[in-house]
Amino acid sequence: MLIFYSTALADQKGVAFYPDIYGHDSTLKYALAQRSELFSPAPSSMLAGF
């Protein structure tokens, strides 16, 4: 058995978005933001001397 939960579905016509009834999107958004901060490139001002 496979149970699949998604709030977006893509097909040949485009992408359709559906309500996040379980609240998983906010958890994923937060996790991706934290990861983005960890792996963001150094500001160019920090690299000026290299």
PDB file of N, CA and C in Angstrom:
ATOM      1  N   MET A   1       0.842  -1.160   0.000  1.00  0.00           N
ATOM      2  CA  MET A   1       0.000   0.000   0.000  1.00  0.00           C
ATOM      3  C   MET A   1       0.894   1.232   0.000  1.00  0.00           C
ATOM      4  N   LEU A   2       0.517   2.201  -0.777  1.00  0.00           N
ATOM      5  CA  LEU A   2       1.222   3.469  -0.844  1.00  0.00           C
ATOM      6  C   LEU A   2       0.219   4.580  -0.583  1.00  0.00           C
ATOM      7  N   ILE A   3       0.519   5.408   0.381  1.00  0.00           N
ATOM      8  CA  ILE A   3      -0.307   6.584   0.649  1.00  0.00           C
ATOM      9  C   ILE A   3       0.536   7.794   0.293  1.00  0.00           C
ATOM     10  N   PHE A   4       0.033   8.609  -0.581  1.00  0.00           N
ATOM     11  CA  PHE A   4       0.779   9.750  -1.092  1.00  0.00           C
ATOM     12  C   PHE A   4       0.008  11.024  -0.798  1.00  0.00           C
ATOM     13  N   TYR A   5       0.680  12.017  -0.248  1.00  0.00           N
ATOM     14  CA  TYR A   5       0.056  13.294   0.089  1.00  0.00           C
ATOM     15  C   TYR A   5       0.805  14.406  -0.623  1.00  0.00           C
ATOM     16  N   SER A   6       0.091  15.201  -1.381  1.00  0.00           N
ATOM     17  CA  SER A   6       0.732  16.290  -2.114  1.00  0.00           C
ATOM     18  C   SER A   6      -0.220  17.472  -2.185  1.00  0.00           C
ATOM     19  N   THR A   7       0.338  18.662  -2.185  1.00  0.00           N
ATOM     20  CA  THR A   7      -0.483  19.859  -2.317  1.00  0.00           C
ATOM     21  C   THR A   7      -0.301  20.514  -3.673  1.00  0.00           C
ATOM     22  N   ALA A   8       0.495  19.893  -4.545  1.00  0.00           N
ATOM     23  CA  ALA A   8       0.671  20.397  -5.908  1.00  0.00           C
ATOM     24  C   ALA A   8       0.713  19.207  -6.858  1.00  0.00           C
ATOM     25  N   LEU A   9       0.112  19.407  -8.026  1.00  0.00           N
ATOM     26  CA  LEU A   9       0.080  18.354  -9.029  1.00  0.00           C
ATOM     27  C   LEU A   9       0.393  18.983 -10.382  1.00  0.00           C
ATOM     28  N   ALA A  10       1.400  18.432 -11.069  1.00  0.00           N
ATOM     29  CA  ALA A  10       1.792  18.951 -12.379  1.00  0.00           C
ATOM     30  C   ALA A  10       1.353  17.978 -13.468  1.00  0.00           C
ATOM     31  N   ASP A  11       0.846  18.536 -14.559  1.00  0.00           N
ATOM     32  CA  ASP A  11       0.526  17.741 -15.730  1.00  0.00           C
ATOM     33  C   ASP A  11       0.848  18.558 -16.982  1.00  0.00           C
ATOM     34  N   GLN A  12       0.384  18.118 -18.137  1.00  0.00           N
ATOM     35  CA  GLN A  12       0.695  18.802 -19.388  1.00  0.00           C
ATOM     36  C   GLN A  12       0.116  20.216 -19.437  1.00  0.00           C
ATOM     37  N   LYS A  13      -0.930  20.475 -18.692  1.00  0.00           N
ATOM     38  CA  LYS A  13      -1.592  21.776 -18.691  1.00  0.00           C
ATOM     39  C   LYS A  13      -0.948  22.777 -17.741  1.00  0.00           C
ATOM     40  N   GLY A  14      -0.130  22.312 -16.806  1.00  0.00           N
ATOM     41  CA  GLY A  14       0.497  23.199 -15.834  1.00  0.00           C
ATOM     42  C   GLY A  14       0.491  22.596 -14.447  1.00  0.00           C
ATOM     43  N   VAL A  15       0.526  23.464 -13.445  1.00  0.00           N
ATOM     44  CA  VAL A  15       0.568  23.024 -12.052  1.00  0.00           C
ATOM     45  C   VAL A  15      -0.698  23.486 -11.343  1.00  0.00           C
ATOM     46  N   ALA A  16      -1.296  22.577 -10.584  1.00  0.00           N
ATOM     47  CA  ALA A  16      -2.466  22.902  -9.776  1.00  0.00           C
ATOM     48  C   ALA A  16      -2.078  22.778  -8.309  1.00  0.00           C
ATOM     49  N   PHE A  17      -2.484  23.749  -7.501  1.00  0.00           N
ATOM     50  CA  PHE A  17      -2.187  23.742  -6.072  1.00  0.00           C
ATOM     51  C   PHE A  17      -3.469  23.501  -5.289  1.00  0.00           C
ATOM     52  N   TYR A  18      -3.354  22.729  -4.220  1.00  0.00           N
ATOM     53  CA  TYR A  18      -4.488  22.364  -3.391  1.00  0.00           C
ATOM     54  C   TYR A  18      -4.214  22.759  -1.946  1.00  0.00           C
ATOM     55  N   PRO A  19      -5.274  22.922  -1.144  1.00  0.00           N
ATOM     56  CA  PRO A  19      -5.085  23.293   0.267  1.00  0.00           C
ATOM     57  C   PRO A  19      -4.253  22.252   1.030  1.00  0.00           C
ATOM     58  N   ASP A  20      -3.449  22.730   1.948  1.00  0.00           N
ATOM     59  CA  ASP A  20      -2.609  21.869   2.791  1.00  0.00           C
ATOM     60  C   ASP A  20      -3.401  21.545   4.061  1.00  0.00           C
ATOM     61  N   ILE A  21      -4.278  20.570   3.974  1.00  0.00           N
ATOM     62  CA  ILE A  21      -5.186  20.287   5.089  1.00  0.00           C
ATOM     63  C   ILE A  21      -4.494  19.707   6.314  1.00  0.00           C
ATOM     64  N   TYR A  22      -3.296  19.155   6.150  1.00  0.00           N
ATOM     65  CA  TYR A  22      -2.572  18.580   7.285  1.00  0.00           C
ATOM     66  C   TYR A  22      -1.481  19.502   7.837  1.00  0.00           C
ATOM     67  N   GLY A  23      -1.207  20.604   7.177  1.00  0.00           N
ATOM     68  CA  GLY A  23      -0.216  21.561   7.665  1.00  0.00           C
ATOM     69  C   GLY A  23       1.229  21.168   7.421  1.00  0.00           C
ATOM     70  N   HIS A  24       1.481  20.277   6.468  1.00  0.00           N
ATOM     71  CA  HIS A  24       2.858  19.847   6.203  1.00  0.00           C
ATOM     72  C   HIS A  24       3.678  20.890   5.425  1.00  0.00           C
ATOM     73  N   ASP A  25       3.012  21.717   4.629  1.00  0.00           N
ATOM     74  CA  ASP A  25       3.752  22.699   3.832  1.00  0.00           C
ATOM     75  C   ASP A  25       4.524  23.687   4.698  1.00  0.00           C
ATOM     76  N   SER A  26       3.946  24.117   5.805  1.00  0.00           N
ATOM     77  CA  SER A  26       4.639  25.082   6.663  1.00  0.00           C
ATOM     78  C   SER A  26       5.881  24.449   7.297  1.00  0.00           C
ATOM     79  N   THR A  27       5.810  23.179   7.654  1.00  0.00           N
ATOM     80  CA  THR A  27       6.967  22.469   8.210  1.00  0.00           C
ATOM     81  C   THR A  27       8.069  22.357   7.160  1.00  0.00           C
ATOM     82  N   LEU A  28       7.697  22.007   5.943  1.00  0.00           N
ATOM     83  CA  LEU A  28       8.665  21.892   4.855  1.00  0.00           C
ATOM     84  C   LEU A  28       9.268  23.255   4.510  1.00  0.00           C
ATOM     85  N   LYS A  29       8.444  24.279   4.463  1.00  0.00           N
ATOM     86  CA  LYS A  29       8.928  25.633   4.166  1.00  0.00           C
ATOM     87  C   LYS A  29       9.958  26.077   5.211  1.00  0.00           C
ATOM     88  N   TYR A  30       9.691  25.816   6.480  1.00  0.00           N
ATOM     89  CA  TYR A  30      10.613  26.173   7.549  1.00  0.00           C
ATOM     90  C   TYR A  30      11.930  25.404   7.402  1.00  0.00           C
ATOM     91  N   ALA A  31      11.842  24.098   7.142  1.00  0.00           N
ATOM     92  CA  ALA A  31      13.052  23.277   6.995  1.00  0.00           C
ATOM     93  C   ALA A  31      13.893  23.738   5.815  1.00  0.00           C
ATOM     94  N   LEU A  32      13.255  24.075   4.706  1.00  0.00           N
ATOM     95  CA  LEU A  32      13.999  24.546   3.537  1.00  0.00           C
ATOM     96  C   LEU A  32      14.648  25.904   3.796  1.00  0.00           C
ATOM     97  N   ALA A  33      13.961  26.766   4.539  1.00  0.00           N
ATOM     98  CA  ALA A  33      14.543  28.074   4.872  1.00  0.00           C
ATOM     99  C   ALA A  33      15.778  27.906   5.753  1.00  0.00           C
ATOM    100  N   GLN A  34      15.722  27.003   6.726  1.00  0.00           N
ATOM    101  CA  GLN A  34      16.867  26.759   7.598  1.00  0.00           C
ATOM    102  C   GLN A  34      18.034  26.204   6.790  1.00  0.00           C
ATOM    103  N   ARG A  35      17.762  25.281   5.892  1.00  0.00           N
ATOM    104  CA  ARG A  35      18.803  24.695   5.046  1.00  0.00           C
ATOM    105  C   ARG A  35      19.406  25.769   4.142  1.00  0.00           C
ATOM    106  N   SER A  36      18.565  26.632   3.622  1.00  0.00           N
ATOM    107  CA  SER A  36      19.026  27.697   2.742  1.00  0.00           C
ATOM    108  C   SER A  36      19.993  28.628   3.478  1.00  0.00           C
ATOM    109  N   GLU A  37      19.694  28.946   4.732  1.00  0.00           N
ATOM    110  CA  GLU A  37      20.579  29.803   5.524  1.00  0.00           C
ATOM    111  C   GLU A  37      21.916  29.120   5.778  1.00  0.00           C
ATOM    112  N   LEU A  38      21.902  27.817   5.999  1.00  0.00           N
ATOM    113  CA  LEU A  38      23.138  27.082   6.252  1.00  0.00           C
ATOM    114  C   LEU A  38      24.049  27.039   5.039  1.00  0.00           C
ATOM    115  N   PHE A  39      23.469  26.921   3.860  1.00  0.00           N
ATOM    116  CA  PHE A  39      24.251  26.711   2.653  1.00  0.00           C
ATOM    117  C   PHE A  39      24.251  27.898   1.707  1.00  0.00           C
ATOM    118  N   SER A  40      23.854  29.058   2.174  1.00  0.00           N
ATOM    119  CA  SER A  40      23.851  30.229   1.301  1.00  0.00           C
ATOM    120  C   SER A  40      25.286  30.664   1.025  1.00  0.00           C
ATOM    121  N   PRO A  41      25.528  31.194  -0.161  1.00  0.00           N
ATOM    122  CA  PRO A  41      26.889  31.628  -0.507  1.00  0.00           C
ATOM    123  C   PRO A  41      27.326  32.813   0.348  1.00  0.00           C
ATOM    124  N   ALA A  42      28.616  32.954   0.516  1.00  0.00           N
ATOM    125  CA  ALA A  42      29.164  34.073   1.288  1.00  0.00           C
ATOM    126  C   ALA A  42      28.888  35.383   0.556  1.00  0.00           C
ATOM    127  N   PRO A  43      28.598  36.457   1.280  1.00  0.00           N
ATOM    128  CA  PRO A  43      28.398  37.761   0.620  1.00  0.00           C
ATOM    129  C   PRO A  43      29.651  38.167  -0.148  1.00  0.00           C
ATOM    130  N   SER A  44      29.465  38.853  -1.245  1.00  0.00           N
ATOM    131  CA  SER A  44      30.601  39.236  -2.089  1.00  0.00           C
ATOM    132  C   SER A  44      31.577  40.129  -1.329  1.00  0.00           C
ATOM    133  N   SER A  45      31.120  40.893  -0.333  1.00  0.00           N
ATOM    134  CA  SER A  45      32.021  41.743   0.450  1.00  0.00           C
ATOM    135  C   SER A  45      33.036  40.911   1.231  1.00  0.00           C
ATOM    136  N   MET A  46      32.647  39.680   1.600  1.00  0.00           N
ATOM    137  CA  MET A  46      33.566  38.817   2.330  1.00  0.00           C
ATOM    138  C   MET A  46      34.637  38.229   1.405  1.00  0.00           C
ATOM    139  N   LEU A  47      34.340  38.195   0.106  1.00  0.00           N
ATOM    140  CA  LEU A  47      35.265  37.591  -0.846  1.00  0.00           C
ATOM    141  C   LEU A  47      36.125  38.637  -1.567  1.00  0.00           C
ATOM    142  N   ALA A  48      35.975  39.900  -1.232  1.00  0.00           N
ATOM    143  CA  ALA A  48      36.669  40.980  -1.947  1.00  0.00           C
ATOM    144  C   ALA A  48      38.186  40.849  -1.906  1.00  0.00           C
ATOM    145  N   GLY A  49      38.749  40.315  -0.843  1.00  0.00           N
ATOM    146  CA  GLY A  49      40.192  40.217  -0.717  1.00  0.00           C
ATOM    147  C   GLY A  49      40.795  38.989  -1.365  1.00  0.00           C
ATOM    148  N   PHE A  50      39.991  38.151  -1.969  1.00  0.00           N
ATOM    149  CA  PHE A  50      40.496  36.904  -2.545  1.00  0.00           C
ATOM    150  C   PHE A  50      40.659  36.965  -4.019  1.00  0.00           C
TER     151      PHE A  50
END
